Full PDB file with SEQRES, HELIX, SHEET, SSBOND, CRYST1, ORIGX, SCALE, CONECT and MASTER records, all heavy atoms in Angstrom:
SEQRES   1 A   31  ALA LEU ASP LEU GLY ILE LYS LYS ASN ILE LEU ARG ASN          
SEQRES   2 A   31  LEU ALA LYS LYS ASP VAL TYR ILE LYS VAL PHE PRO TYR          
SEQRES   3 A   31  ASP ALA THR TYR GLU                                          
HELIX    1 AA1 LYS A    8  LYS A   16  1                                   9    
CRYST1    1.000    1.000    1.000  90.00  90.00  90.00 P 1           1          
ORIGX1      1.000000  0.000000  0.000000        0.00000                         
ORIGX2      0.000000  1.000000  0.000000        0.00000                         
ORIGX3      0.000000  0.000000  1.000000        0.00000                         
SCALE1      1.000000  0.000000  0.000000        0.00000                         
SCALE2      0.000000  1.000000  0.000000        0.00000                         
SCALE3      0.000000  0.000000  1.000000        0.00000                         
ATOM      1  N   ALA A   1     107.343  99.880  74.827  1.00  0.00           N  
ATOM      2  CA  ALA A   1     108.583  99.262  74.359  1.00  0.00           C  
ATOM      3  C   ALA A   1     109.540 100.320  73.841  1.00  0.00           C  
ATOM      4  O   ALA A   1     109.160 101.173  73.028  1.00  0.00           O  
ATOM      5  CB  ALA A   1     108.286  98.244  73.267  1.00  0.00           C  
ATOM      6  N   LEU A   2     110.783 100.268  74.300  1.00  0.00           N  
ATOM      7  CA  LEU A   2     111.812 101.184  73.823  1.00  0.00           C  
ATOM      8  C   LEU A   2     112.545 100.531  72.657  1.00  0.00           C  
ATOM      9  O   LEU A   2     113.113  99.445  72.802  1.00  0.00           O  
ATOM     10  CB  LEU A   2     112.795 101.525  74.954  1.00  0.00           C  
ATOM     11  CG  LEU A   2     113.719 102.708  74.660  1.00  0.00           C  
ATOM     12  CD1 LEU A   2     112.922 104.015  74.652  1.00  0.00           C  
ATOM     13  CD2 LEU A   2     114.835 102.791  75.700  1.00  0.00           C  
ATOM     14  N   ASP A   3     112.523 101.195  71.527  1.00  0.00           N  
ATOM     15  CA  ASP A   3     113.111 100.654  70.310  1.00  0.00           C  
ATOM     16  C   ASP A   3     114.587 101.034  70.214  1.00  0.00           C  
ATOM     17  O   ASP A   3     114.937 102.147  69.848  1.00  0.00           O  
ATOM     18  CB  ASP A   3     112.352 101.192  69.092  1.00  0.00           C  
ATOM     19  CG  ASP A   3     112.931 100.702  67.772  1.00  0.00           C  
ATOM     20  OD1 ASP A   3     113.785  99.800  67.796  1.00  0.00           O  
ATOM     21  OD2 ASP A   3     112.522 101.238  66.720  1.00  0.00           O  
ATOM     22  N   LEU A   4     115.443 100.061  70.513  1.00  0.00           N  
ATOM     23  CA  LEU A   4     116.887 100.242  70.350  1.00  0.00           C  
ATOM     24  C   LEU A   4     117.378  99.504  69.100  1.00  0.00           C  
ATOM     25  O   LEU A   4     118.578  99.449  68.834  1.00  0.00           O  
ATOM     26  CB  LEU A   4     117.623  99.698  71.586  1.00  0.00           C  
ATOM     27  CG  LEU A   4     117.188 100.279  72.928  1.00  0.00           C  
ATOM     28  CD1 LEU A   4     117.896  99.574  74.079  1.00  0.00           C  
ATOM     29  CD2 LEU A   4     117.447 101.776  72.977  1.00  0.00           C  
ATOM     30  N   GLY A   5     116.415  98.955  68.332  1.00  0.00           N  
ATOM     31  CA  GLY A   5     116.703  98.126  67.176  1.00  0.00           C  
ATOM     32  C   GLY A   5     115.799  96.909  67.208  1.00  0.00           C  
ATOM     33  O   GLY A   5     116.208  95.793  66.918  1.00  0.00           O  
ATOM     34  N   ILE A   6     114.545  97.137  67.569  1.00  0.00           N  
ATOM     35  CA  ILE A   6     113.619  96.048  67.890  1.00  0.00           C  
ATOM     36  C   ILE A   6     113.298  95.188  66.669  1.00  0.00           C  
ATOM     37  O   ILE A   6     113.151  95.686  65.554  1.00  0.00           O  
ATOM     38  CB  ILE A   6     112.332  96.614  68.523  1.00  0.00           C  
ATOM     39  CG1 ILE A   6     111.570  95.538  69.277  1.00  0.00           C  
ATOM     40  CG2 ILE A   6     111.448  97.285  67.473  1.00  0.00           C  
ATOM     41  CD1 ILE A   6     110.506  96.093  70.216  1.00  0.00           C  
ATOM     42  N   LYS A   7     113.196  93.876  66.892  1.00  0.00           N  
ATOM     43  CA  LYS A   7     112.852  92.931  65.840  1.00  0.00           C  
ATOM     44  C   LYS A   7     111.327  92.780  65.764  1.00  0.00           C  
ATOM     45  O   LYS A   7     110.642  92.757  66.791  1.00  0.00           O  
ATOM     46  CB  LYS A   7     113.509  91.573  66.099  1.00  0.00           C  
ATOM     47  CG  LYS A   7     115.018  91.608  66.019  1.00  0.00           C  
ATOM     48  CD  LYS A   7     115.642  90.301  66.467  1.00  0.00           C  
ATOM     49  CE  LYS A   7     115.332  89.184  65.497  1.00  0.00           C  
ATOM     50  NZ  LYS A   7     115.996  87.913  65.901  1.00  0.00           N  
ATOM     51  N   LYS A   8     110.821  92.627  64.554  1.00  0.00           N  
ATOM     52  CA  LYS A   8     109.380  92.528  64.368  1.00  0.00           C  
ATOM     53  C   LYS A   8     108.786  91.326  65.094  1.00  0.00           C  
ATOM     54  O   LYS A   8     107.647  91.379  65.568  1.00  0.00           O  
ATOM     55  CB  LYS A   8     109.051  92.459  62.878  1.00  0.00           C  
ATOM     56  CG  LYS A   8     109.256  93.783  62.140  1.00  0.00           C  
ATOM     57  CD  LYS A   8     108.749  93.711  60.714  1.00  0.00           C  
ATOM     58  CE  LYS A   8     108.855  95.079  60.049  1.00  0.00           C  
ATOM     59  NZ  LYS A   8     108.296  95.077  58.675  1.00  0.00           N  
ATOM     60  N   ASN A   9     109.548  90.226  65.175  1.00  0.00           N  
ATOM     61  CA  ASN A   9     108.973  89.040  65.791  1.00  0.00           C  
ATOM     62  C   ASN A   9     108.833  89.168  67.302  1.00  0.00           C  
ATOM     63  O   ASN A   9     108.033  88.457  67.912  1.00  0.00           O  
ATOM     64  CB  ASN A   9     109.789  87.792  65.443  1.00  0.00           C  
ATOM     65  CG  ASN A   9     108.952  86.533  65.492  1.00  0.00           C  
ATOM     66  OD1 ASN A   9     107.826  86.512  65.004  1.00  0.00           O  
ATOM     67  ND2 ASN A   9     109.483  85.477  66.095  1.00  0.00           N  
ATOM     68  N   ILE A  10     109.597  90.054  67.927  1.00  0.00           N  
ATOM     69  CA  ILE A  10     109.379  90.346  69.346  1.00  0.00           C  
ATOM     70  C   ILE A  10     107.997  90.965  69.524  1.00  0.00           C  
ATOM     71  O   ILE A  10     107.231  90.582  70.420  1.00  0.00           O  
ATOM     72  CB  ILE A  10     110.472  91.289  69.883  1.00  0.00           C  
ATOM     73  CG1 ILE A  10     111.823  90.567  69.939  1.00  0.00           C  
ATOM     74  CG2 ILE A  10     110.091  91.833  71.261  1.00  0.00           C  
ATOM     75  CD1 ILE A  10     112.978  91.456  70.349  1.00  0.00           C  
ATOM     76  N   LEU A  11     107.675  91.908  68.660  1.00  0.00           N  
ATOM     77  CA  LEU A  11     106.372  92.566  68.737  1.00  0.00           C  
ATOM     78  C   LEU A  11     105.248  91.580  68.428  1.00  0.00           C  
ATOM     79  O   LEU A  11     104.194  91.614  69.067  1.00  0.00           O  
ATOM     80  CB  LEU A  11     106.333  93.744  67.757  1.00  0.00           C  
ATOM     81  CG  LEU A  11     107.348  94.859  68.047  1.00  0.00           C  
ATOM     82  CD1 LEU A  11     107.355  95.892  66.930  1.00  0.00           C  
ATOM     83  CD2 LEU A  11     107.039  95.528  69.377  1.00  0.00           C  
ATOM     84  N   ARG A  12     105.486  90.678  67.472  1.00  0.00           N  
ATOM     85  CA  ARG A  12     104.470  89.657  67.165  1.00  0.00           C  
ATOM     86  C   ARG A  12     104.222  88.760  68.373  1.00  0.00           C  
ATOM     87  O   ARG A  12     103.072  88.415  68.683  1.00  0.00           O  
ATOM     88  CB  ARG A  12     104.919  88.799  65.979  1.00  0.00           C  
ATOM     89  CG  ARG A  12     105.047  89.536  64.654  1.00  0.00           C  
ATOM     90  CD  ARG A  12     105.312  88.552  63.522  1.00  0.00           C  
ATOM     91  NE  ARG A  12     105.832  89.216  62.333  1.00  0.00           N  
ATOM     92  CZ  ARG A  12     107.087  89.136  61.912  1.00  0.00           C  
ATOM     93  NH1 ARG A  12     107.967  88.414  62.600  1.00  0.00           N  
ATOM     94  NH2 ARG A  12     107.476  89.765  60.828  1.00  0.00           N  
ATOM     95  N   ASN A  13     105.301  88.358  69.051  1.00  0.00           N  
ATOM     96  CA  ASN A  13     105.161  87.483  70.212  1.00  0.00           C  
ATOM     97  C   ASN A  13     104.408  88.160  71.338  1.00  0.00           C  
ATOM     98  O   ASN A  13     103.585  87.523  72.018  1.00  0.00           O  
ATOM     99  CB  ASN A  13     106.537  87.023  70.687  1.00  0.00           C  
ATOM    100  CG  ASN A  13     107.009  85.760  69.997  1.00  0.00           C  
ATOM    101  OD1 ASN A  13     106.754  84.652  70.448  1.00  0.00           O  
ATOM    102  ND2 ASN A  13     107.691  85.929  68.881  1.00  0.00           N  
ATOM    103  N   LEU A  14     104.678  89.441  71.568  1.00  0.00           N  
ATOM    104  CA  LEU A  14     103.958  90.168  72.613  1.00  0.00           C  
ATOM    105  C   LEU A  14     102.485  90.317  72.238  1.00  0.00           C  
ATOM    106  O   LEU A  14     101.596  90.111  73.079  1.00  0.00           O  
ATOM    107  CB  LEU A  14     104.598  91.545  72.819  1.00  0.00           C  
ATOM    108  CG  LEU A  14     105.943  91.558  73.545  1.00  0.00           C  
ATOM    109  CD1 LEU A  14     106.571  92.946  73.485  1.00  0.00           C  
ATOM    110  CD2 LEU A  14     105.789  91.127  74.996  1.00  0.00           C  
ATOM    111  N   ALA A  15     102.226  90.658  70.976  1.00  0.00           N  
ATOM    112  CA  ALA A  15     100.835  90.840  70.540  1.00  0.00           C  
ATOM    113  C   ALA A  15     100.043  89.548  70.675  1.00  0.00           C  
ATOM    114  O   ALA A  15      98.845  89.568  71.019  1.00  0.00           O  
ATOM    115  CB  ALA A  15     100.803  91.347  69.102  1.00  0.00           C  
ATOM    116  N   LYS A  16     100.679  88.396  70.420  1.00  0.00           N  
ATOM    117  CA  LYS A  16     100.006  87.097  70.554  1.00  0.00           C  
ATOM    118  C   LYS A  16      99.644  86.789  72.002  1.00  0.00           C  
ATOM    119  O   LYS A  16      98.784  85.938  72.263  1.00  0.00           O  
ATOM    120  CB  LYS A  16     100.895  85.985  69.992  1.00  0.00           C  
ATOM    121  CG  LYS A  16     100.922  85.919  68.481  1.00  0.00           C  
ATOM    122  CD  LYS A  16     101.582  84.658  67.969  1.00  0.00           C  
ATOM    123  CE  LYS A  16     103.032  84.564  68.351  1.00  0.00           C  
ATOM    124  NZ  LYS A  16     103.695  83.376  67.733  1.00  0.00           N  
ATOM    125  N   LYS A  17     100.307  87.464  72.944  1.00  0.00           N  
ATOM    126  CA  LYS A  17     100.030  87.265  74.368  1.00  0.00           C  
ATOM    127  C   LYS A  17      98.983  88.249  74.885  1.00  0.00           C  
ATOM    128  O   LYS A  17      98.907  88.506  76.089  1.00  0.00           O  
ATOM    129  CB  LYS A  17     101.325  87.402  75.176  1.00  0.00           C  
ATOM    130  CG  LYS A  17     102.405  86.395  74.810  1.00  0.00           C  
ATOM    131  CD  LYS A  17     102.004  84.971  75.118  1.00  0.00           C  
ATOM    132  CE  LYS A  17     103.125  83.999  74.788  1.00  0.00           C  
ATOM    133  NZ  LYS A  17     102.718  82.592  75.039  1.00  0.00           N  
ATOM    134  N   ASP A  18      98.171  88.799  73.978  1.00  0.00           N  
ATOM    135  CA  ASP A  18      97.110  89.738  74.352  1.00  0.00           C  
ATOM    136  C   ASP A  18      97.690  91.045  74.901  1.00  0.00           C  
ATOM    137  O   ASP A  18      97.231  91.569  75.917  1.00  0.00           O  
ATOM    138  CB  ASP A  18      96.168  89.092  75.377  1.00  0.00           C  
ATOM    139  CG  ASP A  18      94.823  89.805  75.474  1.00  0.00           C  
ATOM    140  OD1 ASP A  18      94.464  90.518  74.524  1.00  0.00           O  
ATOM    141  OD2 ASP A  18      94.147  89.660  76.513  1.00  0.00           O  
ATOM    142  N   VAL A  19      98.719  91.542  74.193  1.00  0.00           N  
ATOM    143  CA  VAL A  19      99.394  92.777  74.594  1.00  0.00           C  
ATOM    144  C   VAL A  19      99.243  93.829  73.489  1.00  0.00           C  
ATOM    145  O   VAL A  19      99.402  93.528  72.300  1.00  0.00           O  
ATOM    146  CB  VAL A  19     100.892  92.526  74.860  1.00  0.00           C  
ATOM    147  CG1 VAL A  19     101.631  93.837  75.116  1.00  0.00           C  
ATOM    148  CG2 VAL A  19     101.069  91.578  76.044  1.00  0.00           C  
ATOM    149  N   TYR A  20      98.921  95.030  73.896  1.00  0.00           N  
ATOM    150  CA  TYR A  20      98.909  96.194  72.992  1.00  0.00           C  
ATOM    151  C   TYR A  20     100.185  96.982  73.265  1.00  0.00           C  
ATOM    152  O   TYR A  20     100.451  97.363  74.410  1.00  0.00           O  
ATOM    153  CB  TYR A  20      97.675  97.048  73.263  1.00  0.00           C  
ATOM    154  CG  TYR A  20      97.490  98.224  72.339  1.00  0.00           C  
ATOM    155  CD1 TYR A  20      97.571  98.085  70.954  1.00  0.00           C  
ATOM    156  CD2 TYR A  20      97.211  99.492  72.857  1.00  0.00           C  
ATOM    157  CE1 TYR A  20      97.378  99.167  70.111  1.00  0.00           C  
ATOM    158  CE2 TYR A  20      97.001 100.582  72.018  1.00  0.00           C  
ATOM    159  CZ  TYR A  20      97.086 100.413  70.640  1.00  0.00           C  
ATOM    160  OH  TYR A  20      96.898 101.488  69.808  1.00  0.00           O  
ATOM    161  N   ILE A  21     100.994  97.195  72.235  1.00  0.00           N  
ATOM    162  CA  ILE A  21     102.324  97.772  72.417  1.00  0.00           C  
ATOM    163  C   ILE A  21     102.412  99.150  71.778  1.00  0.00           C  
ATOM    164  O   ILE A  21     101.962  99.347  70.642  1.00  0.00           O  
ATOM    165  CB  ILE A  21     103.412  96.873  71.791  1.00  0.00           C  
ATOM    166  CG1 ILE A  21     103.244  95.419  72.223  1.00  0.00           C  
ATOM    167  CG2 ILE A  21     104.802  97.386  72.134  1.00  0.00           C  
ATOM    168  CD1 ILE A  21     102.829  94.503  71.090  1.00  0.00           C  
ATOM    169  N   LYS A  22     103.000 100.077  72.511  1.00  0.00           N  
ATOM    170  CA  LYS A  22     103.398 101.356  71.924  1.00  0.00           C  
ATOM    171  C   LYS A  22     104.922 101.372  71.891  1.00  0.00           C  
ATOM    172  O   LYS A  22     105.574 101.230  72.924  1.00  0.00           O  
ATOM    173  CB  LYS A  22     102.870 102.544  72.726  1.00  0.00           C  
ATOM    174  CG  LYS A  22     103.192 103.894  72.051  1.00  0.00           C  
ATOM    175  CD  LYS A  22     102.516 105.069  72.765  1.00  0.00           C  
ATOM    176  CE  LYS A  22     102.787 106.374  72.016  1.00  0.00           C  
ATOM    177  NZ  LYS A  22     102.128 107.539  72.678  1.00  0.00           N  
ATOM    178  N   VAL A  23     105.467 101.498  70.699  1.00  0.00           N  
ATOM    179  CA  VAL A  23     106.913 101.467  70.497  1.00  0.00           C  
ATOM    180  C   VAL A  23     107.436 102.898  70.457  1.00  0.00           C  
ATOM    181  O   VAL A  23     106.960 103.724  69.671  1.00  0.00           O  
ATOM    182  CB  VAL A  23     107.276 100.729  69.191  1.00  0.00           C  
ATOM    183  CG1 VAL A  23     108.789 100.634  69.042  1.00  0.00           C  
ATOM    184  CG2 VAL A  23     106.643  99.350  69.171  1.00  0.00           C  
ATOM    185  N   PHE A  24     108.438 103.185  71.315  1.00  0.00           N  
ATOM    186  CA  PHE A  24     108.969 104.536  71.466  1.00  0.00           C  
ATOM    187  C   PHE A  24     110.384 104.640  70.900  1.00  0.00           C  
ATOM    188  O   PHE A  24     111.144 103.660  70.916  1.00  0.00           O  
ATOM    189  CB  PHE A  24     109.002 104.924  72.949  1.00  0.00           C  
ATOM    190  CG  PHE A  24     107.660 105.143  73.570  1.00  0.00           C  
ATOM    191  CD1 PHE A  24     106.930 104.075  74.075  1.00  0.00           C  
ATOM    192  CD2 PHE A  24     107.117 106.410  73.672  1.00  0.00           C  
ATOM    193  CE1 PHE A  24     105.692 104.263  74.662  1.00  0.00           C  
ATOM    194  CE2 PHE A  24     105.875 106.623  74.256  1.00  0.00           C  
ATOM    195  CZ  PHE A  24     105.163 105.546  74.751  1.00  0.00           C  
ATOM    196  N   PRO A  25     110.776 105.831  70.431  1.00  0.00           N  
ATOM    197  CA  PRO A  25     112.161 106.049  69.992  1.00  0.00           C  
ATOM    198  C   PRO A  25     113.138 105.858  71.145  1.00  0.00           C  
ATOM    199  O   PRO A  25     112.765 105.945  72.321  1.00  0.00           O  
ATOM    200  CB  PRO A  25     112.153 107.497  69.512  1.00  0.00           C  
ATOM    201  CG  PRO A  25     110.724 107.834  69.263  1.00  0.00           C  
ATOM    202  CD  PRO A  25     109.935 107.019  70.230  1.00  0.00           C  
ATOM    203  N   TYR A  26     114.392 105.620  70.799  1.00  0.00           N  
ATOM    204  CA  TYR A  26     115.418 105.305  71.801  1.00  0.00           C  
ATOM    205  C   TYR A  26     115.609 106.428  72.822  1.00  0.00           C  
ATOM    206  O   TYR A  26     116.070 106.184  73.943  1.00  0.00           O  
ATOM    207  CB  TYR A  26     116.758 105.034  71.103  1.00  0.00           C  
ATOM    208  CG  TYR A  26     117.534 106.272  70.751  1.00  0.00           C  
ATOM    209  CD1 TYR A  26     118.635 106.676  71.510  1.00  0.00           C  
ATOM    210  CD2 TYR A  26     117.151 107.076  69.674  1.00  0.00           C  
ATOM    211  CE1 TYR A  26     119.326 107.826  71.202  1.00  0.00           C  
ATOM    212  CE2 TYR A  26     117.850 108.227  69.359  1.00  0.00           C  
ATOM    213  CZ  TYR A  26     118.934 108.600  70.125  1.00  0.00           C  
ATOM    214  OH  TYR A  26     119.620 109.746  69.821  1.00  0.00           O  
ATOM    215  N   ASP A  27     115.277 107.668  72.464  1.00  0.00           N  
ATOM    216  CA  ASP A  27     115.503 108.810  73.357  1.00  0.00           C  
ATOM    217  C   ASP A  27     114.238 109.251  74.089  1.00  0.00           C  
ATOM    218  O   ASP A  27     114.162 110.372  74.612  1.00  0.00           O  
ATOM    219  CB  ASP A  27     116.101 109.986  72.585  1.00  0.00           C  
ATOM    220  CG  ASP A  27     115.248 110.424  71.392  1.00  0.00           C  
ATOM    221  OD1 ASP A  27     114.243 109.750  71.100  1.00  0.00           O  
ATOM    222  OD2 ASP A  27     115.593 111.442  70.753  1.00  0.00           O  
ATOM    223  N   ALA A  28     113.237 108.370  74.161  1.00  0.00           N  
ATOM    224  CA  ALA A  28     112.009 108.706  74.886  1.00  0.00           C  
ATOM    225  C   ALA A  28     112.289 108.854  76.382  1.00  0.00           C  
ATOM    226  O   ALA A  28     113.226 108.259  76.923  1.00  0.00           O  
ATOM    227  CB  ALA A  28     110.958 107.619  74.657  1.00  0.00           C  
ATOM    228  N   THR A  29     111.475 109.646  77.046  1.00  0.00           N  
ATOM    229  CA  THR A  29     111.606 109.846  78.489  1.00  0.00           C  
ATOM    230  C   THR A  29     110.643 108.926  79.236  1.00  0.00           C  
ATOM    231  O   THR A  29     109.686 108.387  78.660  1.00  0.00           O  
ATOM    232  CB  THR A  29     111.301 111.300  78.873  1.00  0.00           C  
ATOM    233  OG1 THR A  29     109.909 111.569  78.587  1.00  0.00           O  
ATOM    234  CG2 THR A  29     112.180 112.273  78.090  1.00  0.00           C  
ATOM    235  N   TYR A  30     110.888 108.785  80.530  1.00  0.00           N  
ATOM    236  CA  TYR A  30     109.994 107.979  81.358  1.00  0.00           C  
ATOM    237  C   TYR A  30     108.592 108.574  81.351  1.00  0.00           C  
ATOM    238  O   TYR A  30     107.592 107.843  81.274  1.00  0.00           O  
ATOM    239  CB  TYR A  30     110.520 107.904  82.785  1.00  0.00           C  
ATOM    240  CG  TYR A  30     109.594 107.156  83.718  1.00  0.00           C  
ATOM    241  CD1 TYR A  30     109.525 105.767  83.702  1.00  0.00           C  
ATOM    242  CD2 TYR A  30     108.765 107.844  84.611  1.00  0.00           C  
ATOM    243  CE1 TYR A  30     108.661 105.076  84.543  1.00  0.00           C  
ATOM    244  CE2 TYR A  30     107.897 107.165  85.460  1.00  0.00           C  
ATOM    245  CZ  TYR A  30     107.853 105.784  85.423  1.00  0.00           C  
ATOM    246  OH  TYR A  30     106.991 105.100  86.259  1.00  0.00           O  
ATOM    247  N   GLU A  31     108.499 109.890  81.407  1.00  0.00           N  
ATOM    248  CA  GLU A  31     107.194 110.552  81.430  1.00  0.00           C  
ATOM    249  C   GLU A  31     106.415 110.266  80.144  1.00  0.00           C  
ATOM    250  O   GLU A  31     105.197 110.013  80.182  1.00  0.00           O  
ATOM    251  CB  GLU A  31     107.371 112.059  81.611  1.00  0.00           C  
ATOM    252  CG  GLU A  31     107.855 112.482  82.999  1.00  0.00           C  
ATOM    253  CD  GLU A  31     109.321 112.137  83.255  1.00  0.00           C  
ATOM    254  OE1 GLU A  31     110.082 112.000  82.263  1.00  0.00           O  
ATOM    255  OE2 GLU A  31     109.693 111.989  84.440  1.00  0.00           O  
TER     256      GLU A  31                                                      
MASTER        0    0    0    1    0    0    0    6  255    1    0    3          
END                                                                             
């Protein structure tokens, strides 16, 4: 997930769907 101002409840909703999320700074690269 690219954090451009991410809301906590977005992450909660993804986690409830059996998702493990790594949140990256806005200037992260594709690599």
